[in-house]
Amino acid sequence: YYTGVGYKNVGSVARDIVEKHIDLCLDAGINLEGINAEVAKGQWEFQIFGKGSKSAADQMWVARYILTRLCETYGIDIEWRCKPILAPFNQPLDWNGSGMHSNFSTKHMREVGGKAYFEKLMAAFSKHMDEHIAVYGPENHLRLTGLHETQSIDKFTYGVADRGASIRVPHSFIRNDYKGYLEDRRPNSAADPYLVAGRILKTIQTVPTK
């Protein structure tokens, strides 16, 4: 159902909710930049861009609140769990989980970068893997299985345009001499954005820039 259109793919109310959510967020000053239907039916994504980690986390928190309040008028609730479709006894079914993919960069990453710095940064993320997983959301072991566009919860990998890696490296990052942003795909839909941003920044700070 990824990027799906039509009643049989998205149902009768989902897009209405999503589009009203966009309007409400923009009216509230939240920089919501995009939406799309996701792999599982009823699963949707919205993207927020915030300058600075605190602003990004603030906007995500309020956007969740607005969406939850909006859905009251439709008589439905949002399932924030990272594996929303489960079989009896909470066994995961063959459907993608829900993430809170986190794009991040610093001034040094955008303006200086370089392959040597990038490799040191990835080594730091690998070293602190357990600390990241600890704040990347509850029940992430159900989602980070190595299937459904994820890496296993006990492994750290990175790759260019690799949706199955822990950190996805954009083509533009490589073409721009290892400068730009990176995407940590491990945080899940129920994670605390303040803890996620804080952990990413702590790891970045362990890597010298000179």
Protein backbone atom coordinates (compact mmCIF):
# COMPACT_ATOMS: atom_id res chain seq x y z
CA TYR A 1 0.00 0.00 0.00
CA TYR A 2 3.07 2.27 -0.14
CA THR A 3 2.12 5.65 -1.64
CA GLY A 4 -1.26 4.08 -2.41
CA VAL A 5 -4.27 5.86 -3.88
CA GLY A 6 -7.87 4.78 -4.30
CA TYR A 7 -10.50 3.56 -1.85
CA LYS A 8 -9.39 -0.09 -1.91
CA ASN A 9 -5.87 0.94 -0.91
CA VAL A 10 -6.35 3.78 1.58
CA GLY A 11 -9.97 3.52 2.71
CA SER A 12 -12.48 6.30 3.17
CA VAL A 13 -11.11 8.50 5.98
CA ALA A 14 -7.32 8.11 6.17
CA ARG A 15 -6.39 10.71 3.58
CA ASP A 16 -8.91 13.16 4.98
CA ILE A 17 -7.29 12.83 8.41
CA VAL A 18 -3.78 13.14 7.00
CA GLU A 19 -4.57 16.26 4.99
CA LYS A 20 -6.38 17.94 7.87
CA HIS A 21 -3.39 17.12 10.05
CA ILE A 22 -1.13 18.93 7.59
CA ASP A 23 -3.29 22.05 7.72
CA LEU A 24 -3.53 22.04 11.51
CA CYS A 25 0.23 21.59 11.90
CA LEU A 26 1.04 24.37 9.44
CA ASP A 27 -1.43 26.67 11.21
CA ALA A 28 0.38 25.85 14.47
CA GLY A 29 3.76 26.78 13.00
CA ILE A 30 4.96 23.19 12.63
CA ASN A 31 7.12 22.63 9.57
CA LEU A 32 5.40 19.50 8.27
CA GLU A 33 6.94 18.92 4.84
CA GLY A 34 5.41 15.74 3.46
CA ILE A 35 3.10 12.75 3.85
CA ASN A 36 2.60 9.38 2.21
CA ALA A 37 0.74 6.13 2.69
CA GLU A 38 3.04 3.38 3.95
CA VAL A 39 3.48 -0.35 3.35
CA ALA A 40 0.71 -1.66 5.61
CA LYS A 41 -2.90 -0.62 5.05
CA GLY A 42 -3.82 2.20 7.39
CA GLN A 43 -0.15 3.02 8.02
CA TRP A 44 0.88 6.58 7.12
CA GLU A 45 3.96 8.73 7.42
CA PHE A 46 4.50 12.44 7.93
CA GLN A 47 7.81 14.28 7.76
CA ILE A 48 8.84 17.23 9.89
CA PHE A 49 11.90 19.42 9.39
CA GLY A 50 13.12 21.35 12.40
CA LYS A 51 16.23 23.50 12.56
CA GLY A 52 17.97 22.38 15.72
CA SER A 53 17.36 19.24 17.74
CA LYS A 54 15.12 20.87 20.34
CA SER A 55 12.91 22.49 17.70
CA ALA A 56 12.61 19.21 15.80
CA ALA A 57 11.63 17.32 18.97
CA ASP A 58 9.18 20.04 20.03
CA GLN A 59 7.47 19.97 16.65
CA MET A 60 7.24 16.18 16.60
CA TRP A 61 5.72 16.10 20.08
CA VAL A 62 3.06 18.69 19.26
CA ALA A 63 2.32 17.09 15.86
CA ARG A 64 1.55 13.81 17.64
CA TYR A 65 -0.75 15.64 20.04
CA ILE A 66 -2.59 17.38 17.21
CA LEU A 67 -3.05 14.11 15.33
CA THR A 68 -4.38 12.35 18.42
CA ARG A 69 -6.85 15.16 19.10
CA LEU A 70 -7.94 15.26 15.46
CA CYS A 71 -8.70 11.54 15.43
CA GLU A 72 -11.09 11.95 18.37
CA THR A 73 -13.59 13.51 15.94
CA TYR A 74 -13.44 10.37 13.77
CA GLY A 75 -13.92 7.98 16.67
CA ILE A 76 -10.55 6.31 16.12
CA ASP A 77 -7.17 6.14 17.88
CA ILE A 78 -3.65 6.22 16.49
CA GLU A 79 -1.58 3.09 17.08
CA TRP A 80 1.86 4.42 17.98
CA ARG A 81 3.39 0.99 18.68
CA CYS A 82 6.29 0.16 16.39
CA LYS A 83 4.73 -3.11 15.26
CA PRO A 84 1.08 -2.17 14.85
CA ILE A 85 -0.11 -5.36 13.15
CA LEU A 86 0.30 -8.38 15.40
CA ALA A 87 -1.00 -11.93 15.45
CA PRO A 88 -2.39 -13.62 18.59
CA PHE A 89 0.04 -13.66 21.53
CA ASN A 90 1.71 -10.52 20.12
CA GLN A 91 3.51 -12.40 17.38
CA PRO A 92 4.59 -10.09 14.52
CA LEU A 93 2.94 -10.60 11.16
CA ASP A 94 4.68 -10.18 7.80
CA TRP A 95 4.21 -6.41 7.64
CA ASN A 96 6.54 -3.46 8.07
CA GLY A 97 6.77 -1.82 11.46
CA SER A 98 6.51 1.91 12.12
CA GLY A 99 9.64 4.01 12.50
CA MET A 100 10.61 7.56 13.32
CA HIS A 101 13.51 7.80 10.89
CA SER A 102 15.73 10.63 12.07
CA ASN A 103 17.71 12.72 9.60
CA PHE A 104 20.55 14.61 11.25
CA SER A 105 23.48 16.87 10.45
CA THR A 106 25.76 19.37 12.12
CA LYS A 107 27.47 22.43 10.69
CA HIS A 108 30.68 20.40 10.44
CA MET A 109 28.91 17.59 8.58
CA ARG A 110 27.34 20.04 6.13
CA GLU A 111 30.32 22.31 5.51
CA VAL A 112 33.47 20.22 6.12
CA GLY A 113 32.60 16.53 6.25
CA GLY A 114 35.04 14.25 4.47
CA LYS A 115 35.40 10.49 4.25
CA ALA A 116 37.77 10.22 7.22
CA TYR A 117 35.38 12.08 9.52
CA PHE A 118 32.42 10.04 8.24
CA GLU A 119 34.18 6.75 8.98
CA LYS A 120 35.06 7.92 12.51
CA LEU A 121 31.45 8.98 13.01
CA MET A 122 30.13 5.59 11.94
CA ALA A 123 32.64 3.88 14.25
CA ALA A 124 31.27 5.96 17.12
CA PHE A 125 27.68 5.04 16.27
CA SER A 126 28.71 1.39 16.20
CA LYS A 127 30.51 1.70 19.56
CA HIS A 128 27.47 3.28 21.21
CA MET A 129 24.90 1.01 19.53
CA ASP A 130 23.41 -0.24 22.81
CA GLU A 131 22.97 3.28 24.19
CA HIS A 132 21.09 4.27 21.05
CA ILE A 133 18.81 1.24 21.09
CA ALA A 134 18.01 1.93 24.75
CA VAL A 135 16.27 5.21 23.84
CA TYR A 136 14.99 4.39 20.36
CA GLY A 137 11.56 3.29 21.51
CA PRO A 138 9.80 0.41 23.28
CA GLU A 139 9.40 -3.05 21.74
CA ASN A 140 11.94 -2.26 19.03
CA HIS A 141 13.01 -5.91 19.02
CA LEU A 142 9.70 -6.66 17.29
CA ARG A 143 10.51 -4.19 14.52
CA LEU A 144 14.31 -4.36 14.07
CA THR A 145 14.53 -7.94 12.83
CA GLY A 146 16.62 -7.62 9.68
CA LEU A 147 13.42 -7.90 7.64
CA HIS A 148 10.96 -5.33 6.32
CA GLU A 149 13.57 -2.68 5.53
CA THR A 150 15.32 -2.86 8.91
CA GLN A 151 18.64 -4.05 10.29
CA SER A 152 18.68 -6.47 13.23
CA ILE A 153 18.53 -4.83 16.64
CA ASP A 154 21.89 -6.38 17.63
CA LYS A 155 23.80 -5.20 14.55
CA PHE A 156 25.01 -1.84 13.27
CA THR A 157 25.46 -1.21 9.56
CA TYR A 158 25.43 1.70 7.16
CA GLY A 159 25.07 1.84 3.42
CA VAL A 160 24.37 4.13 0.50
CA ALA A 161 20.62 4.31 -0.16
CA ASP A 162 20.28 1.11 1.91
CA ARG A 163 16.84 0.96 3.50
CA GLY A 164 17.90 -2.16 5.39
CA ALA A 165 20.83 -0.48 7.14
CA SER A 166 20.94 1.06 10.61
CA ILE A 167 22.03 4.33 9.01
CA ARG A 168 21.15 5.12 5.42
CA VAL A 169 23.64 7.31 3.56
CA PRO A 170 22.07 9.44 0.81
CA HIS A 171 23.63 9.43 -2.66
CA SER A 172 23.90 13.21 -2.35
CA PHE A 173 26.12 12.81 0.73
CA ILE A 174 28.68 10.76 -1.20
CA ARG A 175 28.54 12.96 -4.31
CA ASN A 176 29.13 16.03 -2.13
CA ASP A 177 32.44 14.73 -0.74
CA TYR A 178 30.83 13.14 2.32
CA LYS A 179 29.01 16.29 3.35
CA GLY A 180 25.34 16.68 4.26
CA TYR A 181 22.89 14.72 6.38
CA LEU A 182 22.52 11.08 7.41
CA GLU A 183 19.43 9.06 8.32
CA ASP A 184 19.23 6.90 11.44
CA ARG A 185 16.48 4.39 10.66
CA ARG A 186 16.39 2.69 14.08
CA PRO A 187 14.19 5.04 16.17
CA ASN A 188 10.61 3.83 16.22
CA SER A 189 7.22 5.50 16.10
CA ALA A 190 6.76 5.48 19.88
CA ALA A 191 10.21 6.85 20.72
CA ASP A 192 10.73 10.03 22.72
CA PRO A 193 12.14 12.51 20.15
CA TYR A 194 14.05 14.41 22.85
CA LEU A 195 15.89 11.26 23.92
CA VAL A 196 16.57 10.29 20.31
CA ALA A 197 18.00 13.69 19.41
CA GLY A 198 20.01 13.85 22.62
CA ARG A 199 21.59 10.44 22.06
CA ILE A 200 22.53 11.25 18.46
CA LEU A 201 24.17 14.50 19.55
CA LYS A 202 26.06 12.78 22.38
CA THR A 203 27.57 10.30 19.95
CA ILE A 204 28.48 13.00 17.44
CA GLN A 205 30.23 14.95 20.20
CA THR A 206 32.60 12.03 20.84
CA VAL A 207 34.12 12.44 17.36
CA PRO A 208 36.82 15.12 17.05
CA THR A 209 36.46 17.58 14.18
CA LYS A 210 40.15 18.50 13.98
